[in-house]
Amino acid sequence: MGKCKHITRLLSDALDRSLTTGEWVAIRLHLPTCSGCRNYRKQIRLLRVAAHSVSGIAAPGTVNSDD
């Protein structure tokens, strides 16, 4: 569980700061073997898109239909 705690922290940190190459490598090595962390990543992505949608700001990587 310690590894998952570290990975979910990195996934959350990635929303606020740029991760190092080593941090991305740790995430990429862990995610294929852990459905819990993959689900966590999906959930925070969904929350981010929903928050941006409610605020009227386009989430990064999405197309704004008003443009």
N, C-alpha and C. Protein backbone atom coordinates (compact mmCIF):
# COMPACT_ATOMS: atom_id res chain seq x y z
N MET A 1 0.82 -1.20 0.00
CA MET A 1 0.00 0.00 0.00
C MET A 1 0.86 1.26 0.00
N GLY A 2 2.08 1.20 0.52
CA GLY A 2 2.95 2.36 0.55
C GLY A 2 3.27 2.88 -0.84
N LYS A 3 3.46 1.97 -1.77
CA LYS A 3 3.75 2.35 -3.15
C LYS A 3 2.55 3.08 -3.75
N CYS A 4 1.35 2.57 -3.52
CA CYS A 4 0.14 3.21 -4.04
C CYS A 4 -0.04 4.60 -3.44
N LYS A 5 0.25 4.74 -2.18
CA LYS A 5 0.12 6.06 -1.53
C LYS A 5 1.06 7.06 -2.20
N HIS A 6 2.27 6.62 -2.49
CA HIS A 6 3.26 7.47 -3.16
C HIS A 6 2.79 7.84 -4.57
N ILE A 7 2.27 6.87 -5.30
CA ILE A 7 1.83 7.11 -6.68
C ILE A 7 0.62 8.02 -6.72
N THR A 8 -0.35 7.81 -5.84
CA THR A 8 -1.52 8.69 -5.84
C THR A 8 -1.13 10.11 -5.45
N ARG A 9 -0.14 10.25 -4.59
CA ARG A 9 0.35 11.59 -4.23
C ARG A 9 0.98 12.25 -5.46
N LEU A 10 1.76 11.49 -6.21
CA LEU A 10 2.36 12.04 -7.44
C LEU A 10 1.30 12.43 -8.46
N LEU A 11 0.27 11.60 -8.61
CA LEU A 11 -0.80 11.92 -9.54
C LEU A 11 -1.50 13.21 -9.14
N SER A 12 -1.70 13.39 -7.85
CA SER A 12 -2.31 14.64 -7.36
C SER A 12 -1.36 15.82 -7.54
N ASP A 13 -0.09 15.61 -7.24
CA ASP A 13 0.90 16.68 -7.40
C ASP A 13 0.99 17.15 -8.85
N ALA A 14 0.80 16.22 -9.79
CA ALA A 14 0.90 16.55 -11.21
C ALA A 14 -0.14 17.59 -11.63
N LEU A 15 -1.20 17.74 -10.85
CA LEU A 15 -2.21 18.76 -11.15
C LEU A 15 -1.70 20.15 -10.83
N ASP A 16 -0.74 20.24 -9.90
CA ASP A 16 -0.27 21.53 -9.41
C ASP A 16 1.14 21.91 -9.83
N ARG A 17 1.92 20.92 -10.24
CA ARG A 17 3.31 21.21 -10.60
C ARG A 17 3.78 20.23 -11.66
N SER A 18 4.88 20.57 -12.30
CA SER A 18 5.49 19.66 -13.26
C SER A 18 6.26 18.59 -12.50
N LEU A 19 6.02 17.35 -12.86
CA LEU A 19 6.74 16.25 -12.21
C LEU A 19 8.08 16.05 -12.90
N THR A 20 9.01 15.51 -12.15
CA THR A 20 10.32 15.19 -12.71
C THR A 20 10.20 13.95 -13.60
N THR A 21 11.20 13.73 -14.40
CA THR A 21 11.22 12.54 -15.25
C THR A 21 11.16 11.28 -14.39
N GLY A 22 11.88 11.27 -13.30
CA GLY A 22 11.87 10.11 -12.40
C GLY A 22 10.50 9.85 -11.81
N GLU A 23 9.78 10.91 -11.48
CA GLU A 23 8.44 10.75 -10.93
C GLU A 23 7.49 10.17 -11.98
N TRP A 24 7.60 10.66 -13.23
CA TRP A 24 6.77 10.11 -14.31
C TRP A 24 7.11 8.65 -14.57
N VAL A 25 8.38 8.30 -14.50
CA VAL A 25 8.79 6.91 -14.71
C VAL A 25 8.17 6.03 -13.63
N ALA A 26 8.20 6.48 -12.38
CA ALA A 26 7.61 5.70 -11.28
C ALA A 26 6.12 5.47 -11.53
N ILE A 27 5.43 6.50 -11.99
CA ILE A 27 4.00 6.38 -12.28
C ILE A 27 3.78 5.38 -13.41
N ARG A 28 4.54 5.55 -14.51
CA ARG A 28 4.36 4.70 -15.69
C ARG A 28 4.69 3.23 -15.41
N LEU A 29 5.61 2.98 -14.51
CA LEU A 29 5.94 1.60 -14.16
C LEU A 29 4.88 0.98 -13.25
N HIS A 30 4.25 1.80 -12.42
CA HIS A 30 3.29 1.30 -11.44
C HIS A 30 1.89 1.09 -12.03
N LEU A 31 1.43 2.02 -12.86
CA LEU A 31 0.04 1.98 -13.32
C LEU A 31 -0.38 0.69 -14.04
N PRO A 32 0.46 0.10 -14.88
CA PRO A 32 0.02 -1.13 -15.56
C PRO A 32 -0.31 -2.28 -14.61
N THR A 33 0.24 -2.25 -13.42
CA THR A 33 0.04 -3.36 -12.49
C THR A 33 -0.96 -3.05 -11.38
N CYS A 34 -1.53 -1.85 -11.37
CA CYS A 34 -2.38 -1.47 -10.24
C CYS A 34 -3.69 -0.82 -10.70
N SER A 35 -4.75 -1.58 -10.65
CA SER A 35 -6.06 -1.07 -11.08
C SER A 35 -6.56 0.03 -10.15
N GLY A 36 -6.21 -0.03 -8.88
CA GLY A 36 -6.64 1.00 -7.93
C GLY A 36 -6.07 2.37 -8.29
N CYS A 37 -4.81 2.42 -8.62
CA CYS A 37 -4.18 3.69 -8.99
C CYS A 37 -4.65 4.16 -10.36
N ARG A 38 -4.91 3.22 -11.28
CA ARG A 38 -5.47 3.61 -12.57
C ARG A 38 -6.85 4.22 -12.39
N ASN A 39 -7.66 3.64 -11.51
CA ASN A 39 -8.99 4.19 -11.23
C ASN A 39 -8.88 5.56 -10.58
N TYR A 40 -7.92 5.73 -9.67
CA TYR A 40 -7.71 7.03 -9.04
C TYR A 40 -7.37 8.08 -10.09
N ARG A 41 -6.50 7.73 -11.02
CA ARG A 41 -6.12 8.66 -12.09
C ARG A 41 -7.35 9.06 -12.92
N LYS A 42 -8.19 8.09 -13.25
CA LYS A 42 -9.41 8.39 -14.01
C LYS A 42 -10.33 9.31 -13.22
N GLN A 43 -10.46 9.06 -11.93
CA GLN A 43 -11.34 9.88 -11.09
C GLN A 43 -10.86 11.32 -10.98
N ILE A 44 -9.56 11.52 -10.79
CA ILE A 44 -9.09 12.91 -10.67
C ILE A 44 -9.18 13.63 -12.01
N ARG A 45 -9.00 12.89 -13.11
CA ARG A 45 -9.20 13.51 -14.44
C ARG A 45 -10.64 13.96 -14.61
N LEU A 46 -11.58 13.08 -14.23
CA LEU A 46 -13.00 13.41 -14.34
C LEU A 46 -13.34 14.62 -13.47
N LEU A 47 -12.84 14.65 -12.25
CA LEU A 47 -13.09 15.79 -11.36
C LEU A 47 -12.52 17.08 -11.93
N ARG A 48 -11.35 16.99 -12.53
CA ARG A 48 -10.73 18.18 -13.10
C ARG A 48 -11.56 18.72 -14.27
N VAL A 49 -11.99 17.84 -15.15
CA VAL A 49 -12.81 18.25 -16.27
C VAL A 49 -14.13 18.84 -15.78
N ALA A 50 -14.75 18.21 -14.79
CA ALA A 50 -16.01 18.71 -14.25
C ALA A 50 -15.83 20.08 -13.61
N ALA A 51 -14.75 20.26 -12.86
CA ALA A 51 -14.50 21.56 -12.21
C ALA A 51 -14.28 22.65 -13.25
N HIS A 52 -13.53 22.34 -14.30
CA HIS A 52 -13.31 23.32 -15.36
C HIS A 52 -14.62 23.63 -16.09
N SER A 53 -15.43 22.61 -16.29
CA SER A 53 -16.71 22.80 -16.96
C SER A 53 -17.62 23.73 -16.17
N VAL A 54 -17.69 23.53 -14.88
CA VAL A 54 -18.53 24.36 -14.02
C VAL A 54 -18.01 25.79 -13.96
N SER A 55 -16.70 25.94 -13.99
CA SER A 55 -16.10 27.28 -13.91
C SER A 55 -16.14 28.02 -15.24
N GLY A 56 -16.40 27.28 -16.32
CA GLY A 56 -16.43 27.90 -17.64
C GLY A 56 -15.06 28.00 -18.29
N ILE A 57 -14.05 27.43 -17.67
CA ILE A 57 -12.69 27.43 -18.21
C ILE A 57 -12.44 26.08 -18.85
N ALA A 58 -11.94 26.07 -20.07
CA ALA A 58 -11.66 24.81 -20.74
C ALA A 58 -10.51 24.10 -20.05
N ALA A 59 -10.69 22.83 -19.78
CA ALA A 59 -9.63 22.01 -19.18
C ALA A 59 -8.53 21.81 -20.19
N PRO A 60 -7.28 21.73 -19.73
CA PRO A 60 -6.18 21.48 -20.66
C PRO A 60 -6.42 20.18 -21.43
N GLY A 61 -6.17 20.23 -22.73
CA GLY A 61 -6.34 19.06 -23.57
C GLY A 61 -7.75 18.87 -24.10
N THR A 62 -8.64 19.83 -23.82
CA THR A 62 -9.99 19.75 -24.35
C THR A 62 -10.24 20.90 -25.30
N VAL A 63 -11.23 20.74 -26.12
CA VAL A 63 -11.57 21.77 -27.10
C VAL A 63 -12.73 22.59 -26.55
N ASN A 64 -12.59 23.90 -26.58
CA ASN A 64 -13.65 24.79 -26.14
C ASN A 64 -14.56 25.07 -27.31
N SER A 65 -15.85 24.75 -27.19
CA SER A 65 -16.78 24.92 -28.31
C SER A 65 -17.06 26.37 -28.63
N ASP A 66 -16.66 27.31 -27.76
CA ASP A 66 -16.87 28.73 -27.99
C ASP A 66 -15.80 29.34 -28.89
N ASP A 67 -14.70 28.61 -29.12
CA ASP A 67 -13.59 29.15 -29.94
C ASP A 67 -13.91 29.11 -31.40
